[in-house]
PDB file of all heavy atoms in Angstrom:
ATOM      1  N   GLU A   1      -4.023 -16.659  -4.271  1.00  0.00           N
ATOM      2  CA  GLU A   1      -2.634 -16.843  -4.648  1.00  0.00           C
ATOM      3  C   GLU A   1      -2.111 -15.665  -5.448  1.00  0.00           C
ATOM      4  O   GLU A   1      -0.961 -15.230  -5.275  1.00  0.00           O
ATOM      5  CB  GLU A   1      -2.468 -18.141  -5.426  1.00  0.00           C
ATOM      6  CG  GLU A   1      -2.675 -19.407  -4.596  1.00  0.00           C
ATOM      7  CD  GLU A   1      -2.608 -20.674  -5.433  1.00  0.00           C
ATOM      8  OE1 GLU A   1      -2.476 -20.548  -6.680  1.00  0.00           O
ATOM      9  OE2 GLU A   1      -2.680 -21.761  -4.858  1.00  0.00           O
ATOM     10  N   SER A   2      -2.963 -15.121  -6.340  1.00  0.00           N
ATOM     11  CA  SER A   2      -2.556 -13.965  -7.142  1.00  0.00           C
ATOM     12  C   SER A   2      -2.315 -12.749  -6.244  1.00  0.00           C
ATOM     13  O   SER A   2      -1.356 -11.993  -6.444  1.00  0.00           O
ATOM     14  CB  SER A   2      -3.637 -13.641  -8.188  1.00  0.00           C
ATOM     15  OG  SER A   2      -3.756 -14.688  -9.123  1.00  0.00           O
ATOM     16  N   ARG A   3      -3.200 -12.534  -5.289  1.00  0.00           N
ATOM     17  CA  ARG A   3      -3.047 -11.414  -4.366  1.00  0.00           C
ATOM     18  C   ARG A   3      -1.764 -11.562  -3.547  1.00  0.00           C
ATOM     19  O   ARG A   3      -1.025 -10.579  -3.345  1.00  0.00           O
ATOM     20  CB  ARG A   3      -4.255 -11.330  -3.428  1.00  0.00           C
ATOM     21  CG  ARG A   3      -5.511 -10.788  -4.116  1.00  0.00           C
ATOM     22  CD  ARG A   3      -6.676 -10.783  -3.152  1.00  0.00           C
ATOM     23  NE  ARG A   3      -7.860 -10.175  -3.761  1.00  0.00           N
ATOM     24  CZ  ARG A   3      -9.052 -10.168  -3.195  1.00  0.00           C
ATOM     25  NH1 ARG A   3      -9.214 -10.697  -1.968  1.00  0.00           N
ATOM     26  NH2 ARG A   3     -10.087  -9.608  -3.808  1.00  0.00           N
ATOM     27  N   GLU A   4      -1.509 -12.749  -3.058  1.00  0.00           N
ATOM     28  CA  GLU A   4      -0.305 -12.981  -2.287  1.00  0.00           C
ATOM     29  C   GLU A   4       0.944 -12.737  -3.121  1.00  0.00           C
ATOM     30  O   GLU A   4       1.933 -12.184  -2.642  1.00  0.00           O
ATOM     31  CB  GLU A   4      -0.306 -14.407  -1.731  1.00  0.00           C
ATOM     32  CG  GLU A   4      -1.350 -14.625  -0.648  1.00  0.00           C
ATOM     33  CD  GLU A   4      -1.364 -16.087  -0.156  1.00  0.00           C
ATOM     34  OE1 GLU A   4      -0.700 -16.919  -0.812  1.00  0.00           O
ATOM     35  OE2 GLU A   4      -2.012 -16.353   0.877  1.00  0.00           O
ATOM     36  N   LYS A   5       0.862 -13.141  -4.378  1.00  0.00           N
ATOM     37  CA  LYS A   5       1.995 -12.922  -5.282  1.00  0.00           C
ATOM     38  C   LYS A   5       2.228 -11.427  -5.492  1.00  0.00           C
ATOM     39  O   LYS A   5       3.369 -10.953  -5.450  1.00  0.00           O
ATOM     40  CB  LYS A   5       1.716 -13.613  -6.617  1.00  0.00           C
ATOM     41  CG  LYS A   5       2.860 -13.488  -7.621  1.00  0.00           C
ATOM     42  CD  LYS A   5       2.523 -14.251  -8.905  1.00  0.00           C
ATOM     43  CE  LYS A   5       3.664 -14.133  -9.909  1.00  0.00           C
ATOM     44  NZ  LYS A   5       3.356 -14.872 -11.170  1.00  0.00           N
ATOM     45  N   LEU A   6       1.147 -10.688  -5.709  1.00  0.00           N
ATOM     46  CA  LEU A   6       1.272  -9.242  -5.898  1.00  0.00           C
ATOM     47  C   LEU A   6       1.814  -8.560  -4.641  1.00  0.00           C
ATOM     48  O   LEU A   6       2.622  -7.645  -4.726  1.00  0.00           O
ATOM     49  CB  LEU A   6      -0.087  -8.643  -6.274  1.00  0.00           C
ATOM     50  CG  LEU A   6      -0.590  -8.946  -7.684  1.00  0.00           C
ATOM     51  CD1 LEU A   6      -2.021  -8.434  -7.869  1.00  0.00           C
ATOM     52  CD2 LEU A   6       0.338  -8.342  -8.744  1.00  0.00           C
ATOM     53  N   HIS A   7       1.365  -9.038  -3.476  1.00  0.00           N
ATOM     54  CA  HIS A   7       1.852  -8.467  -2.222  1.00  0.00           C
ATOM     55  C   HIS A   7       3.341  -8.720  -2.050  1.00  0.00           C
ATOM     56  O   HIS A   7       4.078  -7.842  -1.581  1.00  0.00           O
ATOM     57  CB  HIS A   7       1.063  -9.053  -1.045  1.00  0.00           C
ATOM     58  CG  HIS A   7      -0.336  -8.568  -0.982  1.00  0.00           C
ATOM     59  ND1 HIS A   7      -1.265  -9.066  -0.074  1.00  0.00           N
ATOM     60  CD2 HIS A   7      -1.007  -7.636  -1.705  1.00  0.00           C
ATOM     61  CE1 HIS A   7      -2.432  -8.470  -0.256  1.00  0.00           C
ATOM     62  NE2 HIS A   7      -2.287  -7.584  -1.228  1.00  0.00           N
ATOM     63  N   ARG A   8       3.783  -9.914  -2.405  1.00  0.00           N
ATOM     64  CA  ARG A   8       5.217 -10.232  -2.285  1.00  0.00           C
ATOM     65  C   ARG A   8       6.037  -9.337  -3.221  1.00  0.00           C
ATOM     66  O   ARG A   8       7.117  -8.865  -2.847  1.00  0.00           O
ATOM     67  CB  ARG A   8       5.463 -11.713  -2.609  1.00  0.00           C
ATOM     68  CG  ARG A   8       4.994 -12.650  -1.514  1.00  0.00           C
ATOM     69  CD  ARG A   8       5.580 -14.044  -1.719  1.00  0.00           C
ATOM     70  NE  ARG A   8       5.140 -14.648  -2.974  1.00  0.00           N
ATOM     71  CZ  ARG A   8       4.053 -15.394  -3.108  1.00  0.00           C
ATOM     72  NH1 ARG A   8       3.250 -15.615  -2.048  1.00  0.00           N
ATOM     73  NH2 ARG A   8       3.722 -15.912  -4.271  1.00  0.00           N
ATOM     74  N   ILE A   9       5.517  -9.122  -4.409  1.00  0.00           N
ATOM     75  CA  ILE A   9       6.216  -8.239  -5.372  1.00  0.00           C
ATOM     76  C   ILE A   9       6.262  -6.821  -4.814  1.00  0.00           C
ATOM     77  O   ILE A   9       7.302  -6.156  -4.845  1.00  0.00           O
ATOM     78  CB  ILE A   9       5.501  -8.260  -6.737  1.00  0.00           C
ATOM     79  CG1 ILE A   9       5.648  -9.641  -7.379  1.00  0.00           C
ATOM     80  CG2 ILE A   9       6.077  -7.178  -7.645  1.00  0.00           C
ATOM     81  CD1 ILE A   9       4.845  -9.809  -8.649  1.00  0.00           C
ATOM     82  N   ALA A  10       5.137  -6.320  -4.299  1.00  0.00           N
ATOM     83  CA  ALA A  10       5.064  -4.967  -3.757  1.00  0.00           C
ATOM     84  C   ALA A  10       6.006  -4.793  -2.580  1.00  0.00           C
ATOM     85  O   ALA A  10       6.665  -3.758  -2.424  1.00  0.00           O
ATOM     86  CB  ALA A  10       3.629  -4.633  -3.358  1.00  0.00           C
ATOM     87  N   ASP A  11       6.090  -5.823  -1.723  1.00  0.00           N
ATOM     88  CA  ASP A  11       6.955  -5.742  -0.561  1.00  0.00           C
ATOM     89  C   ASP A  11       8.429  -5.722  -0.943  1.00  0.00           C
ATOM     90  O   ASP A  11       9.278  -5.264  -0.173  1.00  0.00           O
ATOM     91  CB  ASP A  11       6.675  -6.918   0.383  1.00  0.00           C
ATOM     92  CG  ASP A  11       5.332  -6.803   1.082  1.00  0.00           C
ATOM     93  OD1 ASP A  11       4.820  -5.666   1.163  1.00  0.00           O
ATOM     94  OD2 ASP A  11       4.799  -7.832   1.525  1.00  0.00           O
ATOM     95  N   ALA A  12       8.745  -6.245  -2.125  1.00  0.00           N
ATOM     96  CA  ALA A  12      10.129  -6.287  -2.564  1.00  0.00           C
ATOM     97  C   ALA A  12      10.581  -4.969  -3.219  1.00  0.00           C
ATOM     98  O   ALA A  12      11.774  -4.755  -3.423  1.00  0.00           O
ATOM     99  CB  ALA A  12      10.334  -7.434  -3.550  1.00  0.00           C
ATOM    100  N   ILE A  13       9.632  -4.092  -3.532  1.00  0.00           N
ATOM    101  CA  ILE A  13       9.944  -2.831  -4.177  1.00  0.00           C
ATOM    102  C   ILE A  13      10.407  -1.834  -3.117  1.00  0.00           C
ATOM    103  O   ILE A  13       9.751  -1.658  -2.093  1.00  0.00           O
ATOM    104  CB  ILE A  13       8.711  -2.278  -4.936  1.00  0.00           C
ATOM    105  CG1 ILE A  13       8.325  -3.230  -6.077  1.00  0.00           C
ATOM    106  CG2 ILE A  13       9.000  -0.874  -5.478  1.00  0.00           C
ATOM    107  CD1 ILE A  13       7.050  -2.822  -6.784  1.00  0.00           C
ATOM    108  N   PRO A  14      11.560  -1.156  -3.344  1.00  0.00           N
ATOM    109  CA  PRO A  14      12.026  -0.136  -2.390  1.00  0.00           C
ATOM    110  C   PRO A  14      10.967   0.964  -2.197  1.00  0.00           C
ATOM    111  O   PRO A  14      10.339   1.395  -3.158  1.00  0.00           O
ATOM    112  CB  PRO A  14      13.282   0.428  -3.055  1.00  0.00           C
ATOM    113  CG  PRO A  14      13.730  -0.654  -3.969  1.00  0.00           C
ATOM    114  CD  PRO A  14      12.495  -1.315  -4.473  1.00  0.00           C
ATOM    115  N   GLY A  15      10.769   1.382  -0.961  1.00  0.00           N
ATOM    116  CA  GLY A  15       9.738   2.382  -0.693  1.00  0.00           C
ATOM    117  C   GLY A  15       8.438   1.675  -0.299  1.00  0.00           C
ATOM    118  O   GLY A  15       8.452   0.541   0.181  1.00  0.00           O
ATOM    119  N   ALA A  16       7.344   2.362  -0.496  1.00  0.00           N
ATOM    120  CA  ALA A  16       6.048   1.818  -0.133  1.00  0.00           C
ATOM    121  C   ALA A  16       5.066   1.928  -1.288  1.00  0.00           C
ATOM    122  O   ALA A  16       4.825   3.028  -1.813  1.00  0.00           O
ATOM    123  CB  ALA A  16       5.486   2.545   1.073  1.00  0.00           C
ATOM    124  N   VAL A  17       4.529   0.802  -1.719  1.00  0.00           N
ATOM    125  CA  VAL A  17       3.473   0.788  -2.727  1.00  0.00           C
ATOM    126  C   VAL A  17       2.161   0.972  -1.987  1.00  0.00           C
ATOM    127  O   VAL A  17       1.929   0.376  -0.924  1.00  0.00           O
ATOM    128  CB  VAL A  17       3.474  -0.556  -3.505  1.00  0.00           C
ATOM    129  CG1 VAL A  17       2.324  -0.589  -4.504  1.00  0.00           C
ATOM    130  CG2 VAL A  17       4.812  -0.736  -4.213  1.00  0.00           C
ATOM    131  N   TYR A  18       1.267   1.802  -2.525  1.00  0.00           N
ATOM    132  CA  TYR A  18       0.044   2.083  -1.784  1.00  0.00           C
ATOM    133  C   TYR A  18      -1.168   2.292  -2.694  1.00  0.00           C
ATOM    134  O   TYR A  18      -1.039   2.537  -3.904  1.00  0.00           O
ATOM    135  CB  TYR A  18       0.208   3.332  -0.908  1.00  0.00           C
ATOM    136  CG  TYR A  18       0.367   4.617  -1.697  1.00  0.00           C
ATOM    137  CD1 TYR A  18      -0.736   5.377  -2.088  1.00  0.00           C
ATOM    138  CD2 TYR A  18       1.630   5.071  -2.069  1.00  0.00           C
ATOM    139  CE1 TYR A  18      -0.585   6.539  -2.827  1.00  0.00           C
ATOM    140  CE2 TYR A  18       1.787   6.249  -2.789  1.00  0.00           C
ATOM    141  CZ  TYR A  18       0.671   6.970  -3.163  1.00  0.00           C
ATOM    142  OH  TYR A  18       0.818   8.125  -3.900  1.00  0.00           O
ATOM    143  N   GLN A  19      -2.334   2.224  -2.081  1.00  0.00           N
ATOM    144  CA  GLN A  19      -3.594   2.608  -2.716  1.00  0.00           C
ATOM    145  C   GLN A  19      -4.278   3.550  -1.733  1.00  0.00           C
ATOM    146  O   GLN A  19      -4.610   3.180  -0.623  1.00  0.00           O
ATOM    147  CB  GLN A  19      -4.467   1.404  -3.007  1.00  0.00           C
ATOM    148  CG  GLN A  19      -5.672   1.708  -3.874  1.00  0.00           C
ATOM    149  CD  GLN A  19      -6.443   0.454  -4.276  1.00  0.00           C
ATOM    150  OE1 GLN A  19      -6.999  -0.229  -3.418  1.00  0.00           O
ATOM    151  NE2 GLN A  19      -6.480   0.161  -5.559  1.00  0.00           N
ATOM    152  N   TYR A  20      -4.458   4.781  -2.207  1.00  0.00           N
ATOM    153  CA  TYR A  20      -4.990   5.848  -1.346  1.00  0.00           C
ATOM    154  C   TYR A  20      -6.357   6.270  -1.810  1.00  0.00           C
ATOM    155  O   TYR A  20      -6.598   6.417  -3.030  1.00  0.00           O
ATOM    156  CB  TYR A  20      -4.011   7.037  -1.383  1.00  0.00           C
ATOM    157  CG  TYR A  20      -4.553   8.331  -0.856  1.00  0.00           C
ATOM    158  CD1 TYR A  20      -4.662   8.577   0.519  1.00  0.00           C
ATOM    159  CD2 TYR A  20      -4.938   9.356  -1.738  1.00  0.00           C
ATOM    160  CE1 TYR A  20      -5.147   9.801   0.979  1.00  0.00           C
ATOM    161  CE2 TYR A  20      -5.426  10.567  -1.260  1.00  0.00           C
ATOM    162  CZ  TYR A  20      -5.518  10.776   0.090  1.00  0.00           C
ATOM    163  OH  TYR A  20      -6.010  11.973   0.558  1.00  0.00           O
ATOM    164  N   MET A  21      -7.265   6.480  -0.853  1.00  0.00           N
ATOM    165  CA  MET A  21      -8.634   6.845  -1.177  1.00  0.00           C
ATOM    166  C   MET A  21      -9.009   8.186  -0.573  1.00  0.00           C
ATOM    167  O   MET A  21      -8.693   8.476   0.590  1.00  0.00           O
ATOM    168  CB  MET A  21      -9.597   5.786  -0.636  1.00  0.00           C
ATOM    169  CG  MET A  21     -11.065   6.043  -0.973  1.00  0.00           C
ATOM    170  SD  MET A  21     -12.229   5.285   0.191  1.00  0.00           S
ATOM    171  CE  MET A  21     -12.149   6.454   1.555  1.00  0.00           C
ATOM    172  N   LEU A  22      -9.645   9.024  -1.386  1.00  0.00           N
ATOM    173  CA  LEU A  22     -10.191  10.295  -0.907  1.00  0.00           C
ATOM    174  C   LEU A  22     -11.686  10.285  -1.155  1.00  0.00           C
ATOM    175  O   LEU A  22     -12.147  10.202  -2.293  1.00  0.00           O
ATOM    176  CB  LEU A  22      -9.556  11.465  -1.647  1.00  0.00           C
ATOM    177  CG  LEU A  22     -10.047  12.873  -1.261  1.00  0.00           C
ATOM    178  CD1 LEU A  22      -9.708  13.189   0.187  1.00  0.00           C
ATOM    179  CD2 LEU A  22      -9.437  13.920  -2.202  1.00  0.00           C
ATOM    180  N   GLY A  23     -12.467  10.334  -0.052  1.00  0.00           N
ATOM    181  CA  GLY A  23     -13.908  10.268  -0.156  1.00  0.00           C
ATOM    182  C   GLY A  23     -14.557  11.586  -0.509  1.00  0.00           C
ATOM    183  O   GLY A  23     -13.921  12.642  -0.445  1.00  0.00           O
ATOM    184  N   PRO A  24     -15.834  11.591  -0.865  1.00  0.00           N
ATOM    185  CA  PRO A  24     -16.553  12.819  -1.246  1.00  0.00           C
ATOM    186  C   PRO A  24     -16.634  13.846  -0.137  1.00  0.00           C
ATOM    187  O   PRO A  24     -16.760  15.042  -0.406  1.00  0.00           O
ATOM    188  CB  PRO A  24     -17.924  12.315  -1.653  1.00  0.00           C
ATOM    189  CG  PRO A  24     -18.087  10.993  -0.961  1.00  0.00           C
ATOM    190  CD  PRO A  24     -16.713  10.395  -0.917  1.00  0.00           C
ATOM    191  N   SER A  25     -16.548  13.421   1.088  1.00  0.00           N
ATOM    192  CA  SER A  25     -16.632  14.349   2.229  1.00  0.00           C
ATOM    193  C   SER A  25     -15.252  14.709   2.768  1.00  0.00           C
ATOM    194  O   SER A  25     -15.162  15.358   3.820  1.00  0.00           O
ATOM    195  CB  SER A  25     -17.480  13.729   3.356  1.00  0.00           C
ATOM    196  OG  SER A  25     -18.790  13.450   2.893  1.00  0.00           O
ATOM    197  N   GLY A  26     -14.223  14.275   2.067  1.00  0.00           N
ATOM    198  CA  GLY A  26     -12.870  14.599   2.490  1.00  0.00           C
ATOM    199  C   GLY A  26     -12.195  13.523   3.307  1.00  0.00           C
ATOM    200  O   GLY A  26     -11.010  13.668   3.653  1.00  0.00           O
ATOM    201  N   GLU A  27     -12.911  12.446   3.622  1.00  0.00           N
ATOM    202  CA  GLU A  27     -12.277  11.380   4.395  1.00  0.00           C
ATOM    203  C   GLU A  27     -11.203  10.705   3.537  1.00  0.00           C
ATOM    204  O   GLU A  27     -11.371  10.555   2.319  1.00  0.00           O
ATOM    205  CB  GLU A  27     -13.309  10.356   4.878  1.00  0.00           C
ATOM    206  CG  GLU A  27     -13.992   9.535   3.782  1.00  0.00           C
ATOM    207  CD  GLU A  27     -15.234  10.219   3.205  1.00  0.00           C
ATOM    208  OE1 GLU A  27     -15.342  11.463   3.369  1.00  0.00           O
ATOM    209  OE2 GLU A  27     -16.050   9.515   2.594  1.00  0.00           O
ATOM    210  N   GLN A  28     -10.129  10.314   4.174  1.00  0.00           N
ATOM    211  CA  GLN A  28      -9.029   9.708   3.435  1.00  0.00           C
ATOM    212  C   GLN A  28      -8.410   8.558   4.215  1.00  0.00           C
ATOM    213  O   GLN A  28      -8.355   8.588   5.447  1.00  0.00           O
ATOM    214  CB  GLN A  28      -7.963  10.757   3.120  1.00  0.00           C
ATOM    215  CG  GLN A  28      -7.507  11.575   4.321  1.00  0.00           C
ATOM    216  CD  GLN A  28      -6.624  12.742   3.940  1.00  0.00           C
ATOM    217  OE1 GLN A  28      -5.939  12.694   2.935  1.00  0.00           O
ATOM    218  NE2 GLN A  28      -6.633  13.793   4.750  1.00  0.00           N
ATOM    219  N   ARG A  29      -7.931   7.601   3.480  1.00  0.00           N
ATOM    220  CA  ARG A  29      -7.268   6.463   4.112  1.00  0.00           C
ATOM    221  C   ARG A  29      -6.542   5.648   3.067  1.00  0.00           C
ATOM    222  O   ARG A  29      -6.789   5.782   1.858  1.00  0.00           O
ATOM    223  CB  ARG A  29      -8.275   5.581   4.873  1.00  0.00           C
ATOM    224  CG  ARG A  29      -9.326   4.912   4.008  1.00  0.00           C
ATOM    225  CD  ARG A  29     -10.394   4.278   4.881  1.00  0.00           C
ATOM    226  NE  ARG A  29     -11.437   3.624   4.133  1.00  0.00           N
ATOM    227  CZ  ARG A  29     -11.488   2.333   3.837  1.00  0.00           C
ATOM    228  NH1 ARG A  29     -10.486   1.544   4.249  1.00  0.00           N
ATOM    229  NH2 ARG A  29     -12.491   1.821   3.163  1.00  0.00           N
ATOM    230  N   PHE A  30      -5.647   4.801   3.553  1.00  0.00           N
ATOM    231  CA  PHE A  30      -4.955   3.870   2.675  1.00  0.00           C
ATOM    232  C   PHE A  30      -5.768   2.578   2.596  1.00  0.00           C
ATOM    233  O   PHE A  30      -6.121   1.985   3.610  1.00  0.00           O
ATOM    234  CB  PHE A  30      -3.563   3.553   3.217  1.00  0.00           C
ATOM    235  CG  PHE A  30      -2.564   4.651   3.022  1.00  0.00           C
ATOM    236  CD1 PHE A  30      -1.979   5.262   4.103  1.00  0.00           C
ATOM    237  CD2 PHE A  30      -2.210   5.052   1.738  1.00  0.00           C
ATOM    238  CE1 PHE A  30      -1.047   6.281   3.921  1.00  0.00           C
ATOM    239  CE2 PHE A  30      -1.278   6.055   1.549  1.00  0.00           C
ATOM    240  CZ  PHE A  30      -0.695   6.676   2.633  1.00  0.00           C
ATOM    241  N   LEU A  31      -6.061   2.162   1.374  1.00  0.00           N
ATOM    242  CA  LEU A  31      -6.727   0.886   1.176  1.00  0.00           C
ATOM    243  C   LEU A  31      -5.715  -0.253   1.153  1.00  0.00           C
ATOM    244  O   LEU A  31      -6.051  -1.398   1.451  1.00  0.00           O
ATOM    245  CB  LEU A  31      -7.518   0.889  -0.139  1.00  0.00           C
ATOM    246  CG  LEU A  31      -8.591   1.975  -0.259  1.00  0.00           C
ATOM    247  CD1 LEU A  31      -9.265   1.895  -1.624  1.00  0.00           C
ATOM    248  CD2 LEU A  31      -9.634   1.855   0.847  1.00  0.00           C
ATOM    249  N   TYR A  32      -4.486   0.100   0.798  1.00  0.00           N
ATOM    250  CA  TYR A  32      -3.412  -0.903   0.785  1.00  0.00           C
ATOM    251  C   TYR A  32      -2.087  -0.186   0.993  1.00  0.00           C
ATOM    252  O   TYR A  32      -1.862   0.925   0.513  1.00  0.00           O
ATOM    253  CB  TYR A  32      -3.373  -1.655  -0.547  1.00  0.00           C
ATOM    254  CG  TYR A  32      -2.141  -2.528  -0.679  1.00  0.00           C
ATOM    255  CD1 TYR A  32      -2.069  -3.726   0.009  1.00  0.00           C
ATOM    256  CD2 TYR A  32      -1.050  -2.108  -1.431  1.00  0.00           C
ATOM    257  CE1 TYR A  32      -0.928  -4.515  -0.064  1.00  0.00           C
ATOM    258  CE2 TYR A  32       0.095  -2.900  -1.509  1.00  0.00           C
ATOM    259  CZ  TYR A  32       0.151  -4.085  -0.824  1.00  0.00           C
ATOM    260  OH  TYR A  32       1.284  -4.855  -0.893  1.00  0.00           O
ATOM    261  N   LEU A  33      -1.181  -0.844   1.699  1.00  0.00           N
ATOM    262  CA  LEU A  33       0.179  -0.341   1.909  1.00  0.00           C
ATOM    263  C   LEU A  33       1.124  -1.533   1.991  1.00  0.00           C
ATOM    264  O   LEU A  33       0.830  -2.513   2.692  1.00  0.00           O
ATOM    265  CB  LEU A  33       0.271   0.453   3.227  1.00  0.00           C
ATOM    266  CG  LEU A  33       0.185   1.971   3.155  1.00  0.00           C
ATOM    267  CD1 LEU A  33       0.181   2.547   4.565  1.00  0.00           C
ATOM    268  CD2 LEU A  33       1.341   2.573   2.367  1.00  0.00           C
ATOM    269  N   SER A  34       2.227  -1.438   1.279  1.00  0.00           N
ATOM    270  CA  SER A  34       3.216  -2.526   1.373  1.00  0.00           C
ATOM    271  C   SER A  34       4.031  -2.367   2.642  1.00  0.00           C
ATOM    272  O   SER A  34       4.006  -1.302   3.298  1.00  0.00           O
ATOM    273  CB  SER A  34       4.126  -2.506   0.150  1.00  0.00           C
ATOM    274  OG  SER A  34       4.894  -1.318   0.090  1.00  0.00           O
ATOM    275  N   ARG A  35       4.794  -3.384   2.976  1.00  0.00           N
ATOM    276  CA  ARG A  35       5.550  -3.384   4.211  1.00  0.00           C
ATOM    277  C   ARG A  35       6.645  -2.325   4.242  1.00  0.00           C
ATOM    278  O   ARG A  35       7.152  -1.966   5.303  1.00  0.00           O
ATOM    279  CB  ARG A  35       6.170  -4.765   4.453  1.00  0.00           C
ATOM    280  CG  ARG A  35       5.132  -5.873   4.706  1.00  0.00           C
ATOM    281  CD  ARG A  35       5.799  -7.197   4.872  1.00  0.00           C
ATOM    282  NE  ARG A  35       4.832  -8.271   5.075  1.00  0.00           N
ATOM    283  CZ  ARG A  35       5.145  -9.563   5.178  1.00  0.00           C
ATOM    284  NH1 ARG A  35       6.410  -9.915   5.060  1.00  0.00           N
ATOM    285  NH2 ARG A  35       4.212 -10.451   5.348  1.00  0.00           N
ATOM    286  N   GLY A  36       7.016  -1.820   3.079  1.00  0.00           N
ATOM    287  CA  GLY A  36       8.077  -0.804   3.019  1.00  0.00           C
ATOM    288  C   GLY A  36       7.777   0.464   3.772  1.00  0.00           C
ATOM    289  O   GLY A  36       8.680   1.233   4.095  1.00  0.00           O
ATOM    290  N   VAL A  37       6.484   0.684   4.095  1.00  0.00           N
ATOM    291  CA  VAL A  37       6.122   1.899   4.826  1.00  0.00           C
ATOM    292  C   VAL A  37       6.745   1.925   6.212  1.00  0.00           C
ATOM    293  O   VAL A  37       7.018   2.993   6.757  1.00  0.00           O
ATOM    294  CB  VAL A  37       4.578   2.021   4.939  1.00  0.00           C
ATOM    295  CG1 VAL A  37       4.015   0.980   5.898  1.00  0.00           C
ATOM    296  CG2 VAL A  37       4.189   3.418   5.398  1.00  0.00           C
ATOM    297  N   GLN A  38       7.036   0.754   6.759  1.00  0.00           N
ATOM    298  CA  GLN A  38       7.631   0.714   8.090  1.00  0.00           C
ATOM    299  C   GLN A  38       9.049   1.293   8.064  1.00  0.00           C
ATOM    300  O   GLN A  38       9.470   1.985   9.003  1.00  0.00           O
ATOM    301  CB  GLN A  38       7.658  -0.716   8.643  1.00  0.00           C
ATOM    302  CG  GLN A  38       8.137  -0.791  10.093  1.00  0.00           C
ATOM    303  CD  GLN A  38       7.637  -2.016  10.813  1.00  0.00           C
ATOM    304  OE1 GLN A  38       6.931  -2.860  10.235  1.00  0.00           O
ATOM    305  NE2 GLN A  38       7.971  -2.126  12.083  1.00  0.00           N
ATOM    306  N   GLU A  39       9.793   1.018   6.996  1.00  0.00           N
ATOM    307  CA  GLU A  39      11.131   1.578   6.880  1.00  0.00           C
ATOM    308  C   GLU A  39      11.086   3.088   6.638  1.00  0.00           C
ATOM    309  O   GLU A  39      11.946   3.818   7.100  1.00  0.00           O
ATOM    310  CB  GLU A  39      11.884   0.890   5.742  1.00  0.00           C
ATOM    311  CG  GLU A  39      13.325   1.336   5.626  1.00  0.00           C
ATOM    312  CD  GLU A  39      14.081   0.562   4.549  1.00  0.00           C
ATOM    313  OE1 GLU A  39      13.531  -0.423   4.030  1.00  0.00           O
ATOM    314  OE2 GLU A  39      15.203   0.962   4.219  1.00  0.00           O
ATOM    315  N   LEU A  40      10.052   3.539   5.923  1.00  0.00           N
ATOM    316  CA  LEU A  40       9.924   4.969   5.646  1.00  0.00           C
ATOM    317  C   LEU A  40       9.473   5.766   6.859  1.00  0.00           C
ATOM    318  O   LEU A  40      10.024   6.814   7.169  1.00  0.00           O
ATOM    319  CB  LEU A  40       8.916   5.199   4.502  1.00  0.00           C
ATOM    320  CG  LEU A  40       9.306   4.704   3.099  1.00  0.00           C
ATOM    321  CD1 LEU A  40       8.170   5.022   2.126  1.00  0.00           C
ATOM    322  CD2 LEU A  40      10.593   5.344   2.632  1.00  0.00           C
ATOM    323  N   LEU A  41       8.422   5.268   7.535  1.00  0.00           N
ATOM    324  CA  LEU A  41       7.778   6.058   8.587  1.00  0.00           C
ATOM    325  C   LEU A  41       7.865   5.427   9.985  1.00  0.00           C
ATOM    326  O   LEU A  41       7.357   6.015  10.948  1.00  0.00           O
ATOM    327  CB  LEU A  41       6.301   6.263   8.220  1.00  0.00           C
ATOM    328  CG  LEU A  41       6.024   6.912   6.873  1.00  0.00           C
ATOM    329  CD1 LEU A  41       4.512   7.011   6.642  1.00  0.00           C
ATOM    330  CD2 LEU A  41       6.648   8.306   6.802  1.00  0.00           C
TER     331      LEU A  41
END
């Protein structure tokens, strides 16, 4: 329930809330992205 609540809050924020990871070998990816990324990209 807490995660869902946080996701709803993040989705309501203009833009995109994210968690980005950069690995030791240079690999990169988003661990989390709010729905706002669809409007941006």
